[in-house]
Amino acid sequence: MVHSGERGSESFGALLRFHRERAGMTQEGLGGHVGYSKSQVAMVERGERAPKGRLVETADQVLGAQGALLVLAEKEFGGSGLRPWTEDYLAEERKASALHVYQTI
């Protein structure tokens, strides 16, 4: 399950997949370079997970993306790896003494 603030970007995922396929690399192969499993790479490519750790920098270099992944990741996730709109929410959450959440499923 993807929690608030952890969702990735479909645009970033599509660009990652484009460069990976152009380089002739499998998801498993890329995962080996960046310390991710094949399924984690797939989740980033589908936009279900934000890239964490050094995935962006390493993938950009290994896949020969010439900075394209770095530029889009900065736009989509900023320096924190999270979508920019989550920053205010997370700041308030850190100050909270309790959280009450309601979801209809």
N, C-alpha and C. Protein backbone atom coordinates (compact mmCIF):
# COMPACT_ATOMS: atom_id res chain seq x y z
N MET A 1 0.84 -1.19 0.00
CA MET A 1 0.00 0.00 0.00
C MET A 1 0.87 1.25 0.00
N VAL A 2 0.51 2.23 -0.78
CA VAL A 2 1.24 3.48 -0.85
C VAL A 2 0.60 4.46 0.13
N HIS A 3 1.41 5.04 1.00
CA HIS A 3 0.92 6.00 1.99
C HIS A 3 1.11 7.41 1.48
N SER A 4 0.40 8.35 2.05
CA SER A 4 0.53 9.75 1.69
C SER A 4 1.99 10.18 1.77
N GLY A 5 2.45 10.92 0.76
CA GLY A 5 3.80 11.43 0.76
C GLY A 5 4.82 10.46 0.20
N GLU A 6 4.43 9.20 -0.04
CA GLU A 6 5.37 8.23 -0.57
C GLU A 6 5.15 7.99 -2.06
N ARG A 7 4.07 8.50 -2.59
CA ARG A 7 3.74 8.25 -3.99
C ARG A 7 4.78 8.89 -4.90
N GLY A 8 5.09 8.20 -5.94
CA GLY A 8 6.08 8.69 -6.89
C GLY A 8 5.46 9.57 -7.94
N SER A 9 6.10 9.63 -9.07
CA SER A 9 5.66 10.45 -10.18
C SER A 9 5.60 9.59 -11.43
N GLU A 10 4.46 9.60 -12.10
CA GLU A 10 4.33 8.83 -13.34
C GLU A 10 5.27 9.38 -14.40
N SER A 11 5.48 10.69 -14.42
CA SER A 11 6.39 11.30 -15.40
C SER A 11 7.82 10.84 -15.16
N PHE A 12 8.25 10.88 -13.90
CA PHE A 12 9.61 10.44 -13.60
C PHE A 12 9.76 8.96 -13.93
N GLY A 13 8.77 8.16 -13.55
CA GLY A 13 8.82 6.72 -13.82
C GLY A 13 8.91 6.40 -15.29
N ALA A 14 8.14 7.14 -16.10
CA ALA A 14 8.16 6.91 -17.55
C ALA A 14 9.52 7.27 -18.13
N LEU A 15 10.11 8.35 -17.65
CA LEU A 15 11.43 8.75 -18.14
C LEU A 15 12.49 7.75 -17.71
N LEU A 16 12.40 7.27 -16.49
CA LEU A 16 13.34 6.25 -16.01
C LEU A 16 13.24 5.00 -16.88
N ARG A 17 12.02 4.56 -17.15
CA ARG A 17 11.83 3.38 -17.98
C ARG A 17 12.38 3.60 -19.40
N PHE A 18 12.10 4.77 -19.97
CA PHE A 18 12.60 5.09 -21.30
C PHE A 18 14.12 4.94 -21.36
N HIS A 19 14.81 5.56 -20.41
CA HIS A 19 16.28 5.51 -20.42
C HIS A 19 16.79 4.11 -20.11
N ARG A 20 16.11 3.38 -19.24
CA ARG A 20 16.52 2.01 -18.93
C ARG A 20 16.41 1.13 -20.16
N GLU A 21 15.28 1.21 -20.85
CA GLU A 21 15.07 0.39 -22.05
C GLU A 21 16.02 0.81 -23.17
N ARG A 22 16.25 2.11 -23.31
CA ARG A 22 17.17 2.61 -24.33
C ARG A 22 18.58 2.09 -24.09
N ALA A 23 18.94 1.93 -22.82
CA ALA A 23 20.26 1.42 -22.46
C ALA A 23 20.32 -0.11 -22.56
N GLY A 24 19.17 -0.75 -22.83
CA GLY A 24 19.14 -2.20 -22.95
C GLY A 24 19.29 -2.91 -21.62
N MET A 25 18.84 -2.27 -20.55
CA MET A 25 18.99 -2.83 -19.21
C MET A 25 17.64 -3.30 -18.68
N THR A 26 17.64 -4.38 -17.94
CA THR A 26 16.42 -4.89 -17.32
C THR A 26 16.18 -4.15 -16.00
N GLN A 27 14.99 -4.30 -15.46
CA GLN A 27 14.70 -3.73 -14.15
C GLN A 27 15.61 -4.34 -13.10
N GLU A 28 15.84 -5.64 -13.22
CA GLU A 28 16.73 -6.33 -12.28
C GLU A 28 18.16 -5.80 -12.39
N GLY A 29 18.61 -5.56 -13.62
CA GLY A 29 19.96 -5.03 -13.82
C GLY A 29 20.12 -3.65 -13.22
N LEU A 30 19.13 -2.77 -13.45
CA LEU A 30 19.19 -1.44 -12.86
C LEU A 30 19.14 -1.53 -11.34
N GLY A 31 18.27 -2.39 -10.84
CA GLY A 31 18.17 -2.58 -9.40
C GLY A 31 19.50 -2.96 -8.78
N GLY A 32 20.28 -3.80 -9.46
CA GLY A 32 21.59 -4.19 -8.96
C GLY A 32 22.54 -3.01 -8.82
N HIS A 33 22.43 -2.05 -9.73
CA HIS A 33 23.29 -0.86 -9.67
C HIS A 33 22.88 0.09 -8.56
N VAL A 34 21.57 0.17 -8.28
CA VAL A 34 21.08 1.18 -7.34
C VAL A 34 20.68 0.61 -5.98
N GLY A 35 20.79 -0.70 -5.80
CA GLY A 35 20.44 -1.31 -4.52
C GLY A 35 18.94 -1.49 -4.33
N TYR A 36 18.20 -1.67 -5.42
CA TYR A 36 16.76 -1.90 -5.39
C TYR A 36 16.49 -3.30 -5.92
N SER A 37 15.36 -3.86 -5.53
CA SER A 37 14.92 -5.11 -6.13
C SER A 37 14.23 -4.79 -7.46
N LYS A 38 14.00 -5.82 -8.27
CA LYS A 38 13.29 -5.63 -9.53
C LYS A 38 11.91 -5.01 -9.28
N SER A 39 11.22 -5.48 -8.24
CA SER A 39 9.87 -4.96 -7.98
C SER A 39 9.91 -3.51 -7.51
N GLN A 40 10.95 -3.10 -6.79
CA GLN A 40 11.06 -1.70 -6.37
C GLN A 40 11.29 -0.80 -7.58
N VAL A 41 12.13 -1.24 -8.51
CA VAL A 41 12.34 -0.46 -9.74
C VAL A 41 11.02 -0.34 -10.49
N ALA A 42 10.28 -1.44 -10.59
CA ALA A 42 8.99 -1.44 -11.29
C ALA A 42 8.02 -0.46 -10.63
N MET A 43 7.99 -0.41 -9.31
CA MET A 43 7.08 0.51 -8.61
C MET A 43 7.45 1.97 -8.89
N VAL A 44 8.74 2.27 -8.96
CA VAL A 44 9.16 3.64 -9.30
C VAL A 44 8.75 3.96 -10.73
N GLU A 45 8.94 3.00 -11.64
CA GLU A 45 8.59 3.23 -13.04
C GLU A 45 7.09 3.43 -13.22
N ARG A 46 6.27 2.79 -12.40
CA ARG A 46 4.81 2.96 -12.49
C ARG A 46 4.32 4.20 -11.74
N GLY A 47 5.20 4.87 -11.03
CA GLY A 47 4.81 6.06 -10.26
C GLY A 47 4.18 5.72 -8.93
N GLU A 48 4.35 4.50 -8.48
CA GLU A 48 3.76 4.06 -7.21
C GLU A 48 4.68 4.31 -6.03
N ARG A 49 5.93 4.61 -6.30
CA ARG A 49 6.92 4.80 -5.24
C ARG A 49 7.87 5.92 -5.66
N ALA A 50 8.20 6.77 -4.71
CA ALA A 50 9.18 7.83 -4.99
C ALA A 50 10.58 7.22 -4.95
N PRO A 51 11.49 7.72 -5.78
CA PRO A 51 12.86 7.22 -5.73
C PRO A 51 13.52 7.65 -4.43
N LYS A 52 14.21 6.73 -3.81
CA LYS A 52 14.88 7.02 -2.54
C LYS A 52 16.36 6.70 -2.66
N GLY A 53 17.11 7.18 -1.68
CA GLY A 53 18.54 6.92 -1.67
C GLY A 53 19.21 7.58 -2.87
N ARG A 54 20.13 6.87 -3.47
CA ARG A 54 20.89 7.42 -4.59
C ARG A 54 20.38 6.92 -5.93
N LEU A 55 19.12 6.46 -5.97
CA LEU A 55 18.58 5.92 -7.22
C LEU A 55 18.69 6.91 -8.37
N VAL A 56 18.29 8.13 -8.16
CA VAL A 56 18.25 9.11 -9.25
C VAL A 56 19.66 9.37 -9.79
N GLU A 57 20.59 9.67 -8.89
CA GLU A 57 21.95 9.98 -9.33
C GLU A 57 22.60 8.79 -10.02
N THR A 58 22.48 7.62 -9.42
CA THR A 58 23.11 6.43 -9.97
C THR A 58 22.47 6.03 -11.30
N ALA A 59 21.13 6.03 -11.35
CA ALA A 59 20.43 5.67 -12.59
C ALA A 59 20.77 6.64 -13.71
N ASP A 60 20.82 7.93 -13.41
CA ASP A 60 21.14 8.91 -14.43
C ASP A 60 22.51 8.62 -15.03
N GLN A 61 23.47 8.29 -14.19
CA GLN A 61 24.82 7.99 -14.65
C GLN A 61 24.90 6.66 -15.40
N VAL A 62 24.35 5.60 -14.81
CA VAL A 62 24.44 4.26 -15.39
C VAL A 62 23.69 4.17 -16.72
N LEU A 63 22.56 4.87 -16.81
CA LEU A 63 21.74 4.79 -18.02
C LEU A 63 22.12 5.83 -19.08
N GLY A 64 23.06 6.69 -18.76
CA GLY A 64 23.48 7.71 -19.73
C GLY A 64 22.39 8.73 -20.02
N ALA A 65 21.63 9.11 -18.99
CA ALA A 65 20.51 10.04 -19.17
C ALA A 65 20.96 11.50 -19.27
N GLN A 66 22.22 11.77 -19.08
CA GLN A 66 22.80 13.10 -19.25
C GLN A 66 22.10 14.18 -18.41
N GLY A 67 21.70 13.84 -17.21
CA GLY A 67 21.08 14.81 -16.30
C GLY A 67 19.58 14.90 -16.39
N ALA A 68 18.95 14.23 -17.35
CA ALA A 68 17.50 14.33 -17.52
C ALA A 68 16.75 13.82 -16.29
N LEU A 69 17.21 12.71 -15.72
CA LEU A 69 16.55 12.15 -14.53
C LEU A 69 16.75 13.08 -13.33
N LEU A 70 17.92 13.68 -13.22
CA LEU A 70 18.21 14.60 -12.11
C LEU A 70 17.30 15.83 -12.17
N VAL A 71 17.13 16.39 -13.36
CA VAL A 71 16.32 17.60 -13.52
C VAL A 71 14.86 17.31 -13.18
N LEU A 72 14.32 16.22 -13.72
CA LEU A 72 12.91 15.92 -13.46
C LEU A 72 12.69 15.54 -12.00
N ALA A 73 13.62 14.80 -11.41
CA ALA A 73 13.47 14.43 -9.99
C ALA A 73 13.47 15.68 -9.10
N GLU A 74 14.32 16.63 -9.41
CA GLU A 74 14.35 17.87 -8.63
C GLU A 74 13.02 18.60 -8.75
N LYS A 75 12.47 18.64 -9.96
CA LYS A 75 11.18 19.31 -10.18
C LYS A 75 10.04 18.58 -9.47
N GLU A 76 10.02 17.26 -9.58
CA GLU A 76 8.92 16.47 -9.03
C GLU A 76 9.00 16.27 -7.52
N PHE A 77 10.21 16.09 -7.00
CA PHE A 77 10.36 15.70 -5.60
C PHE A 77 11.14 16.69 -4.75
N GLY A 78 11.77 17.69 -5.35
CA GLY A 78 12.60 18.61 -4.59
C GLY A 78 13.78 17.88 -3.98
N GLY A 79 14.41 18.44 -3.00
CA GLY A 79 15.57 17.82 -2.38
C GLY A 79 15.22 16.71 -1.42
N SER A 80 13.98 16.64 -0.96
CA SER A 80 13.61 15.68 0.08
C SER A 80 13.20 14.32 -0.46
N GLY A 81 12.97 14.22 -1.77
CA GLY A 81 12.47 12.97 -2.32
C GLY A 81 10.95 12.87 -2.25
N LEU A 82 10.30 13.88 -1.71
CA LEU A 82 8.84 13.91 -1.61
C LEU A 82 8.28 15.00 -2.49
N ARG A 83 7.02 14.86 -2.86
CA ARG A 83 6.36 15.90 -3.63
C ARG A 83 6.37 17.19 -2.83
N PRO A 84 6.61 18.34 -3.48
CA PRO A 84 6.68 19.61 -2.76
C PRO A 84 5.45 19.93 -1.93
N TRP A 85 4.25 19.54 -2.37
CA TRP A 85 3.04 19.87 -1.62
C TRP A 85 2.95 19.15 -0.29
N THR A 86 3.77 18.14 -0.05
CA THR A 86 3.71 17.42 1.22
C THR A 86 4.47 18.11 2.33
N GLU A 87 5.34 19.06 1.99
CA GLU A 87 6.20 19.69 3.00
C GLU A 87 5.40 20.34 4.13
N ASP A 88 4.38 21.14 3.80
CA ASP A 88 3.58 21.80 4.83
C ASP A 88 2.87 20.78 5.71
N TYR A 89 2.30 19.76 5.09
CA TYR A 89 1.61 18.72 5.85
C TYR A 89 2.56 18.03 6.82
N LEU A 90 3.73 17.66 6.35
CA LEU A 90 4.68 16.95 7.20
C LEU A 90 5.18 17.82 8.34
N ALA A 91 5.34 19.13 8.09
CA ALA A 91 5.74 20.04 9.16
C ALA A 91 4.69 20.09 10.26
N GLU A 92 3.41 20.17 9.86
CA GLU A 92 2.33 20.16 10.85
C GLU A 92 2.24 18.82 11.57
N GLU A 93 2.44 17.75 10.84
CA GLU A 93 2.37 16.41 11.44
C GLU A 93 3.44 16.25 12.52
N ARG A 94 4.63 16.79 12.30
CA ARG A 94 5.71 16.69 13.29
C ARG A 94 5.35 17.42 14.59
N LYS A 95 4.55 18.47 14.49
CA LYS A 95 4.16 19.24 15.67
C LYS A 95 2.97 18.62 16.40
N ALA A 96 2.25 17.74 15.74
CA ALA A 96 1.01 17.19 16.30
C ALA A 96 1.28 16.23 17.46
N SER A 97 0.35 16.21 18.41
CA SER A 97 0.45 15.24 19.51
C SER A 97 -0.37 13.99 19.20
N ALA A 98 -1.29 14.09 18.23
CA ALA A 98 -2.10 12.94 17.81
C ALA A 98 -2.57 13.16 16.38
N LEU A 99 -2.84 12.05 15.69
CA LEU A 99 -3.37 12.12 14.34
C LEU A 99 -4.67 11.33 14.30
N HIS A 100 -5.69 11.90 13.68
CA HIS A 100 -6.95 11.20 13.49
C HIS A 100 -7.19 11.14 11.99
N VAL A 101 -7.33 9.93 11.48
CA VAL A 101 -7.47 9.75 10.04
C VAL A 101 -8.76 9.00 9.75
N TYR A 102 -9.49 9.47 8.74
CA TYR A 102 -10.70 8.80 8.31
C TYR A 102 -10.58 8.49 6.83
N GLN A 103 -10.82 7.25 6.46
CA GLN A 103 -10.76 6.87 5.05
C GLN A 103 -11.95 6.00 4.72
N THR A 104 -12.52 6.22 3.56
CA THR A 104 -13.55 5.31 3.07
C THR A 104 -12.91 4.41 2.02
N ILE A 105 -13.08 3.15 2.22
CA ILE A 105 -12.45 2.21 1.29
C ILE A 105 -13.50 1.36 0.62
